[in-house]
Amino acid sequence: ADSVISATPGHWYMWKIAKNGQAEPINHSIEYRPRRQERGLEFRENGMLYVVRTTSFLEAGMRYCGKILLYETPMGRSFEVDDDEDFALLESLMRNKWKTHPE
């Protein structure tokens, strides 16, 4: 592999807010909407890990290049901390885990 990125598997229905302010589907059609569990697995990049072969990076000038593989990260280990609310949630989870499973 030239690049490896960490990603979390799931069955998400993704949406975006269009310029007109309305919700638009990204990875599905509103005309055909099977149960999430019936969809194939998709992977959400989680930013935990990026590994790039130096020669590939220098040649391509970006971290996503050549043969790209995913390092699958379970949902319970793929939290992102982007704001105070994320931090508070993870702090609470860690405190509760420590109470039940001290190391």
Protein backbone atom coordinates (compact mmCIF):
# COMPACT_ATOMS: atom_id res chain seq x y z
CA ALA A 1 0.00 0.00 0.00
CA ASP A 2 1.04 3.58 -0.60
CA SER A 3 -1.49 5.08 1.84
CA VAL A 4 -3.39 3.75 4.85
CA ILE A 5 -6.17 5.70 6.55
CA SER A 6 -8.30 4.79 9.55
CA ALA A 7 -12.03 4.50 9.01
CA THR A 8 -15.11 3.35 10.89
CA PRO A 9 -17.58 0.93 9.27
CA GLY A 10 -21.27 1.70 9.30
CA HIS A 11 -24.53 1.98 7.41
CA TRP A 12 -25.11 5.74 7.35
CA TYR A 13 -27.61 7.71 5.37
CA MET A 14 -25.73 10.95 4.72
CA TRP A 15 -27.34 14.32 4.04
CA LYS A 16 -26.16 17.83 3.27
CA ILE A 17 -27.78 21.25 3.40
CA ALA A 18 -28.04 22.67 -0.12
CA LYS A 19 -27.59 26.35 -0.99
CA ASN A 20 -31.38 26.74 -0.92
CA GLY A 21 -31.40 25.55 2.73
CA GLN A 22 -33.09 22.22 1.99
CA ALA A 23 -31.73 18.79 2.91
CA GLU A 24 -30.33 16.70 0.04
CA PRO A 25 -29.28 13.04 0.19
CA ILE A 26 -25.61 12.33 -0.49
CA ASN A 27 -25.21 8.54 -0.64
CA HIS A 28 -28.76 7.37 -1.31
CA SER A 29 -31.95 8.09 -3.18
CA ILE A 30 -35.15 9.15 -1.44
CA GLU A 31 -37.08 7.01 -3.95
CA TYR A 32 -35.36 3.81 -2.80
CA ARG A 33 -34.49 3.54 0.85
CA PRO A 34 -33.84 0.04 2.22
CA ARG A 35 -33.23 -0.57 5.90
CA ARG A 36 -29.75 0.57 6.95
CA GLN A 37 -28.75 -2.99 7.83
CA GLU A 38 -29.52 -4.12 4.26
CA ARG A 39 -27.08 -1.63 2.77
CA GLY A 40 -23.49 -2.56 2.13
CA LEU A 41 -20.91 -1.35 4.63
CA GLU A 42 -19.50 2.10 4.08
CA PHE A 43 -16.49 3.54 5.86
CA ARG A 44 -16.27 6.98 7.44
CA GLU A 45 -12.77 8.42 7.66
CA ASN A 46 -12.10 9.21 11.32
CA GLY A 47 -8.76 11.05 11.27
CA MET A 48 -7.10 8.73 13.80
CA LEU A 49 -4.39 7.40 11.51
CA TYR A 50 -2.67 8.43 8.28
CA VAL A 51 0.30 6.47 6.98
CA VAL A 52 1.87 7.38 3.64
CA ARG A 53 4.89 5.95 1.87
CA THR A 54 7.40 8.82 1.62
CA THR A 55 8.22 8.26 -2.05
CA SER A 56 4.51 8.13 -2.96
CA PHE A 57 3.79 11.31 -1.00
CA LEU A 58 6.65 13.21 -2.63
CA GLU A 59 5.55 12.07 -6.07
CA ALA A 60 1.81 12.76 -5.60
CA GLY A 61 2.05 15.73 -3.21
CA MET A 62 -0.85 14.42 -1.08
CA ARG A 63 -1.50 11.81 1.58
CA TYR A 64 -4.13 9.94 -0.46
CA CYS A 65 -2.17 8.38 -3.29
CA GLY A 66 -1.42 5.15 -5.09
CA LYS A 67 -2.88 2.01 -3.56
CA ILE A 68 -5.03 3.13 -0.60
CA LEU A 69 -6.03 0.74 2.20
CA LEU A 70 -8.32 1.25 5.19
CA TYR A 71 -7.42 0.49 8.79
CA GLU A 72 -10.80 -0.45 10.24
CA THR A 73 -11.49 1.20 13.60
CA PRO A 74 -14.51 0.09 15.69
CA MET A 75 -17.09 2.76 16.51
CA GLY A 76 -16.18 2.61 20.21
CA ARG A 77 -12.62 3.68 19.41
CA SER A 78 -13.19 6.30 16.75
CA PHE A 79 -14.27 9.45 18.52
CA GLU A 80 -13.36 12.85 17.17
CA VAL A 81 -12.87 15.83 19.47
CA ASP A 82 -13.67 18.99 17.54
CA ASP A 83 -15.41 21.13 20.16
CA ASP A 84 -16.24 21.44 23.87
CA GLU A 85 -19.32 19.23 23.53
CA ASP A 86 -17.23 16.37 22.05
CA PHE A 87 -14.69 16.77 24.84
CA ALA A 88 -17.37 16.68 27.55
CA LEU A 89 -18.93 13.54 26.05
CA LEU A 90 -15.62 11.69 25.92
CA GLU A 91 -14.65 12.87 29.38
CA SER A 92 -17.91 11.42 30.72
CA LEU A 93 -17.40 8.13 28.88
CA MET A 94 -13.85 7.81 30.20
CA ARG A 95 -14.92 8.52 33.78
CA ASN A 96 -17.65 5.89 33.63
CA LYS A 97 -15.33 3.31 32.07
CA TRP A 98 -12.75 3.98 34.78
CA LYS A 99 -15.37 3.32 37.47
CA THR A 100 -16.34 -0.03 35.95
CA HIS A 101 -12.96 -1.14 34.52
CA PRO A 102 -10.04 0.46 36.40
CA GLU A 103 -6.69 -0.48 34.91
